N, C-alpha and C. Protein backbone atom coordinates (compact mmCIF):
# COMPACT_ATOMS: atom_id res chain seq x y z
N MET A 1 14.17 10.56 -0.84
CA MET A 1 13.52 10.72 0.43
C MET A 1 12.48 9.60 0.59
N LEU A 2 12.18 9.28 1.85
CA LEU A 2 11.15 8.29 2.12
C LEU A 2 9.77 8.93 2.15
N TYR A 3 8.77 8.14 1.74
CA TYR A 3 7.38 8.57 1.76
C TYR A 3 6.51 7.45 2.31
N ALA A 4 5.52 7.83 3.13
CA ALA A 4 4.54 6.88 3.63
C ALA A 4 3.30 7.00 2.75
N ILE A 5 2.87 5.87 2.25
CA ILE A 5 1.66 5.80 1.43
C ILE A 5 0.63 5.07 2.28
N ILE A 6 -0.37 5.81 2.73
CA ILE A 6 -1.36 5.31 3.68
C ILE A 6 -2.69 5.20 2.94
N SER A 7 -3.15 3.97 2.80
CA SER A 7 -4.36 3.72 2.01
C SER A 7 -5.49 3.26 2.91
N GLU A 8 -6.69 3.68 2.57
CA GLU A 8 -7.90 3.26 3.28
C GLU A 8 -8.81 2.53 2.29
N ASP A 9 -9.23 1.34 2.68
CA ASP A 9 -10.06 0.52 1.80
C ASP A 9 -11.52 0.97 1.79
N VAL A 10 -12.20 0.65 0.71
CA VAL A 10 -13.66 0.74 0.67
C VAL A 10 -14.19 -0.41 1.51
N LYS A 11 -15.44 -0.36 1.90
CA LYS A 11 -16.05 -1.48 2.62
C LYS A 11 -16.10 -2.70 1.70
N ASN A 12 -15.91 -3.86 2.30
CA ASN A 12 -15.98 -5.13 1.56
C ASN A 12 -15.01 -5.17 0.37
N SER A 13 -13.78 -4.79 0.62
CA SER A 13 -12.77 -4.69 -0.44
C SER A 13 -12.08 -6.00 -0.76
N LEU A 14 -12.30 -7.04 0.03
CA LEU A 14 -11.50 -8.26 -0.09
C LEU A 14 -11.50 -8.84 -1.50
N GLU A 15 -12.64 -8.96 -2.13
CA GLU A 15 -12.71 -9.54 -3.48
C GLU A 15 -11.89 -8.70 -4.47
N ARG A 16 -11.99 -7.40 -4.37
CA ARG A 16 -11.22 -6.52 -5.26
C ARG A 16 -9.72 -6.65 -4.99
N ARG A 17 -9.37 -6.76 -3.71
CA ARG A 17 -7.97 -6.93 -3.34
C ARG A 17 -7.41 -8.23 -3.93
N LEU A 18 -8.16 -9.31 -3.74
CA LEU A 18 -7.67 -10.60 -4.21
C LEU A 18 -7.46 -10.61 -5.72
N ALA A 19 -8.35 -9.97 -6.46
CA ALA A 19 -8.22 -9.92 -7.92
C ALA A 19 -6.98 -9.13 -8.36
N ALA A 20 -6.66 -8.06 -7.64
CA ALA A 20 -5.55 -7.18 -8.03
C ALA A 20 -4.24 -7.52 -7.33
N ARG A 21 -4.26 -8.45 -6.38
CA ARG A 21 -3.09 -8.72 -5.54
C ARG A 21 -1.82 -9.09 -6.31
N PRO A 22 -1.87 -9.97 -7.32
CA PRO A 22 -0.62 -10.30 -8.02
C PRO A 22 0.07 -9.07 -8.62
N ASP A 23 -0.68 -8.20 -9.24
CA ASP A 23 -0.10 -6.98 -9.83
C ASP A 23 0.39 -6.03 -8.75
N HIS A 24 -0.37 -5.92 -7.66
CA HIS A 24 0.02 -5.07 -6.53
C HIS A 24 1.36 -5.55 -5.96
N LEU A 25 1.47 -6.86 -5.71
CA LEU A 25 2.71 -7.40 -5.16
C LEU A 25 3.89 -7.25 -6.12
N ALA A 26 3.65 -7.39 -7.41
CA ALA A 26 4.73 -7.24 -8.39
C ALA A 26 5.35 -5.85 -8.32
N ARG A 27 4.52 -4.83 -8.13
CA ARG A 27 5.05 -3.46 -8.03
C ARG A 27 5.86 -3.28 -6.76
N LEU A 28 5.39 -3.88 -5.66
CA LEU A 28 6.13 -3.80 -4.41
C LEU A 28 7.46 -4.56 -4.50
N GLU A 29 7.43 -5.71 -5.15
CA GLU A 29 8.66 -6.48 -5.33
C GLU A 29 9.68 -5.72 -6.18
N GLU A 30 9.19 -4.96 -7.13
CA GLU A 30 10.09 -4.12 -7.95
C GLU A 30 10.78 -3.07 -7.08
N LEU A 31 10.00 -2.41 -6.21
CA LEU A 31 10.61 -1.45 -5.28
C LEU A 31 11.63 -2.14 -4.38
N ARG A 32 11.27 -3.32 -3.87
CA ARG A 32 12.18 -4.08 -3.02
C ARG A 32 13.47 -4.41 -3.76
N ASP A 33 13.35 -4.90 -4.97
CA ASP A 33 14.52 -5.30 -5.75
C ASP A 33 15.42 -4.11 -6.07
N GLU A 34 14.84 -2.92 -6.14
CA GLU A 34 15.61 -1.69 -6.38
C GLU A 34 16.19 -1.14 -5.09
N GLY A 35 15.90 -1.78 -3.95
CA GLY A 35 16.41 -1.32 -2.65
C GLY A 35 15.69 -0.10 -2.12
N ARG A 36 14.46 0.16 -2.59
CA ARG A 36 13.73 1.37 -2.21
C ARG A 36 12.60 1.12 -1.23
N LEU A 37 12.26 -0.13 -0.97
CA LEU A 37 11.14 -0.46 -0.09
C LEU A 37 11.62 -0.66 1.34
N VAL A 38 11.03 0.09 2.28
CA VAL A 38 11.35 -0.06 3.70
C VAL A 38 10.40 -1.09 4.32
N LEU A 39 9.10 -0.95 4.06
CA LEU A 39 8.11 -1.91 4.54
C LEU A 39 6.81 -1.72 3.79
N ALA A 40 6.01 -2.78 3.81
CA ALA A 40 4.70 -2.72 3.15
C ALA A 40 3.82 -3.80 3.75
N GLY A 41 2.55 -3.48 3.89
CA GLY A 41 1.61 -4.48 4.37
C GLY A 41 0.23 -3.91 4.60
N PRO A 42 -0.74 -4.81 4.76
CA PRO A 42 -2.12 -4.39 4.97
C PRO A 42 -2.45 -4.22 6.45
N HIS A 43 -3.54 -3.51 6.70
CA HIS A 43 -4.11 -3.38 8.04
C HIS A 43 -5.29 -4.34 8.12
N PRO A 44 -5.17 -5.44 8.89
CA PRO A 44 -6.32 -6.34 9.03
C PRO A 44 -7.52 -5.58 9.61
N ALA A 45 -8.70 -5.94 9.12
CA ALA A 45 -9.93 -5.27 9.57
C ALA A 45 -10.30 -5.67 11.00
N ILE A 46 -9.74 -6.78 11.47
CA ILE A 46 -9.95 -7.22 12.85
C ILE A 46 -8.60 -7.49 13.48
N ASP A 47 -8.58 -7.67 14.77
CA ASP A 47 -7.33 -7.90 15.51
C ASP A 47 -6.88 -9.34 15.34
N SER A 48 -6.34 -9.63 14.14
CA SER A 48 -5.92 -10.98 13.81
C SER A 48 -4.87 -10.92 12.72
N GLU A 49 -3.87 -11.78 12.82
CA GLU A 49 -2.85 -11.87 11.78
C GLU A 49 -3.48 -12.29 10.45
N ASP A 50 -4.46 -13.18 10.52
CA ASP A 50 -5.18 -13.63 9.33
C ASP A 50 -6.66 -13.31 9.52
N PRO A 51 -7.12 -12.19 8.99
CA PRO A 51 -8.50 -11.77 9.24
C PRO A 51 -9.56 -12.54 8.46
N GLY A 52 -9.15 -13.44 7.58
CA GLY A 52 -10.11 -14.22 6.81
C GLY A 52 -11.07 -13.35 6.03
N GLU A 53 -12.36 -13.67 6.11
CA GLU A 53 -13.37 -12.95 5.34
C GLU A 53 -13.57 -11.51 5.80
N ALA A 54 -13.06 -11.17 7.01
CA ALA A 54 -13.17 -9.77 7.49
C ALA A 54 -12.34 -8.85 6.60
N GLY A 55 -11.29 -9.40 6.00
CA GLY A 55 -10.48 -8.62 5.07
C GLY A 55 -9.60 -7.58 5.73
N PHE A 56 -9.41 -6.49 5.01
CA PHE A 56 -8.46 -5.46 5.42
C PHE A 56 -9.10 -4.09 5.37
N SER A 57 -8.58 -3.18 6.17
CA SER A 57 -9.12 -1.83 6.22
C SER A 57 -8.24 -0.82 5.48
N GLY A 58 -7.07 -1.26 5.04
CA GLY A 58 -6.16 -0.37 4.34
C GLY A 58 -4.77 -0.97 4.26
N SER A 59 -3.82 -0.15 3.87
CA SER A 59 -2.43 -0.61 3.70
C SER A 59 -1.46 0.52 4.03
N LEU A 60 -0.22 0.13 4.28
CA LEU A 60 0.86 1.08 4.50
C LEU A 60 2.06 0.64 3.68
N VAL A 61 2.63 1.57 2.94
CA VAL A 61 3.87 1.36 2.21
C VAL A 61 4.80 2.49 2.59
N VAL A 62 6.02 2.16 2.96
CA VAL A 62 7.06 3.18 3.17
C VAL A 62 8.18 2.85 2.19
N ALA A 63 8.45 3.78 1.30
CA ALA A 63 9.43 3.55 0.25
C ALA A 63 10.11 4.85 -0.15
N GLU A 64 11.22 4.70 -0.84
CA GLU A 64 12.00 5.85 -1.30
C GLU A 64 11.57 6.25 -2.71
N PHE A 65 11.35 7.56 -2.86
CA PHE A 65 11.03 8.15 -4.17
C PHE A 65 11.82 9.45 -4.29
N ASP A 66 11.96 9.94 -5.51
CA ASP A 66 12.71 11.19 -5.74
C ASP A 66 11.95 12.42 -5.29
N SER A 67 10.61 12.32 -5.23
CA SER A 67 9.81 13.49 -4.86
C SER A 67 8.43 13.04 -4.38
N LEU A 68 7.75 13.96 -3.74
CA LEU A 68 6.37 13.71 -3.32
C LEU A 68 5.49 13.42 -4.54
N GLN A 69 5.72 14.14 -5.61
CA GLN A 69 4.94 13.95 -6.83
C GLN A 69 5.14 12.55 -7.41
N GLU A 70 6.39 12.07 -7.38
CA GLU A 70 6.67 10.72 -7.88
C GLU A 70 6.00 9.66 -6.99
N ALA A 71 6.05 9.86 -5.68
CA ALA A 71 5.40 8.93 -4.75
C ALA A 71 3.89 8.94 -4.97
N GLN A 72 3.31 10.11 -5.18
CA GLN A 72 1.87 10.21 -5.40
C GLN A 72 1.48 9.53 -6.71
N ALA A 73 2.27 9.72 -7.74
CA ALA A 73 1.98 9.08 -9.03
C ALA A 73 2.07 7.56 -8.91
N TRP A 74 3.05 7.07 -8.16
CA TRP A 74 3.17 5.63 -7.94
C TRP A 74 1.94 5.12 -7.20
N ALA A 75 1.50 5.83 -6.17
CA ALA A 75 0.33 5.44 -5.39
C ALA A 75 -0.93 5.47 -6.25
N ASP A 76 -1.07 6.47 -7.07
CA ASP A 76 -2.26 6.60 -7.93
C ASP A 76 -2.37 5.45 -8.94
N ALA A 77 -1.23 4.87 -9.31
CA ALA A 77 -1.21 3.79 -10.29
C ALA A 77 -1.27 2.40 -9.63
N ASP A 78 -1.47 2.35 -8.33
CA ASP A 78 -1.52 1.06 -7.63
C ASP A 78 -2.70 0.23 -8.15
N PRO A 79 -2.49 -1.04 -8.43
CA PRO A 79 -3.59 -1.88 -8.89
C PRO A 79 -4.78 -1.93 -7.94
N TYR A 80 -4.56 -1.80 -6.64
CA TYR A 80 -5.68 -1.75 -5.70
C TYR A 80 -6.50 -0.49 -5.91
N MET A 81 -5.86 0.60 -6.22
CA MET A 81 -6.56 1.86 -6.49
C MET A 81 -7.38 1.72 -7.78
N ILE A 82 -6.75 1.18 -8.80
CA ILE A 82 -7.41 1.00 -10.09
C ILE A 82 -8.59 0.04 -9.97
N ALA A 83 -8.45 -1.00 -9.13
CA ALA A 83 -9.51 -2.00 -8.96
C ALA A 83 -10.65 -1.50 -8.06
N GLY A 84 -10.47 -0.32 -7.45
CA GLY A 84 -11.50 0.22 -6.58
C GLY A 84 -11.48 -0.33 -5.17
N ALA A 85 -10.38 -0.97 -4.76
CA ALA A 85 -10.25 -1.48 -3.39
C ALA A 85 -9.98 -0.35 -2.40
N TYR A 86 -9.33 0.70 -2.87
CA TYR A 86 -9.01 1.84 -2.00
C TYR A 86 -10.04 2.95 -2.15
N ALA A 87 -10.49 3.47 -1.01
CA ALA A 87 -11.37 4.63 -1.00
C ALA A 87 -10.55 5.91 -1.11
N LYS A 88 -9.39 5.91 -0.45
CA LYS A 88 -8.50 7.08 -0.52
C LYS A 88 -7.08 6.67 -0.20
N VAL A 89 -6.15 7.47 -0.67
CA VAL A 89 -4.72 7.26 -0.44
C VAL A 89 -4.10 8.59 -0.08
N GLU A 90 -3.32 8.58 1.00
CA GLU A 90 -2.61 9.78 1.43
C GLU A 90 -1.11 9.49 1.34
N VAL A 91 -0.36 10.41 0.79
CA VAL A 91 1.09 10.26 0.66
C VAL A 91 1.74 11.39 1.44
N LYS A 92 2.65 11.00 2.35
CA LYS A 92 3.32 11.97 3.20
C LYS A 92 4.82 11.71 3.23
N PRO A 93 5.63 12.76 3.29
CA PRO A 93 7.06 12.55 3.53
C PRO A 93 7.23 11.81 4.86
N PHE A 94 8.26 10.97 4.93
CA PHE A 94 8.52 10.17 6.12
C PHE A 94 10.00 10.22 6.45
N ARG A 95 10.28 10.42 7.70
CA ARG A 95 11.68 10.41 8.15
C ARG A 95 11.87 9.27 9.14
N LYS A 96 12.65 8.29 8.75
CA LYS A 96 12.91 7.13 9.60
C LYS A 96 13.88 7.52 10.71
N VAL A 97 13.51 7.21 11.93
CA VAL A 97 14.36 7.49 13.08
C VAL A 97 14.88 6.18 13.69
N LEU A 98 14.01 5.22 13.88
CA LEU A 98 14.38 3.93 14.48
C LEU A 98 13.79 2.80 13.67
N PRO A 99 14.26 1.63 13.66
CA PRO A 99 15.57 1.26 14.20
C PRO A 99 16.69 1.75 13.33
């Protein structure tokens, strides 16, 4: 089943994000290579494709997992979470309708 992993950043998270980004991306690439990743990306803190020093306010990952518990465990082990970039993470079942 698909799950949406919705993360909210702490204030001024950019430095923490940058430090953990290689490990964060490696985990996402693993999901992609397994054919389980639907989409992933950050929420810019301002209305801009490249927010620069404004950074990001959170992230969204939609991916396939065997259970809610597995999706939650994956989210809890995210390098951004471990680095303290995320203030909170919510994991919800997701049903893709379109496209």
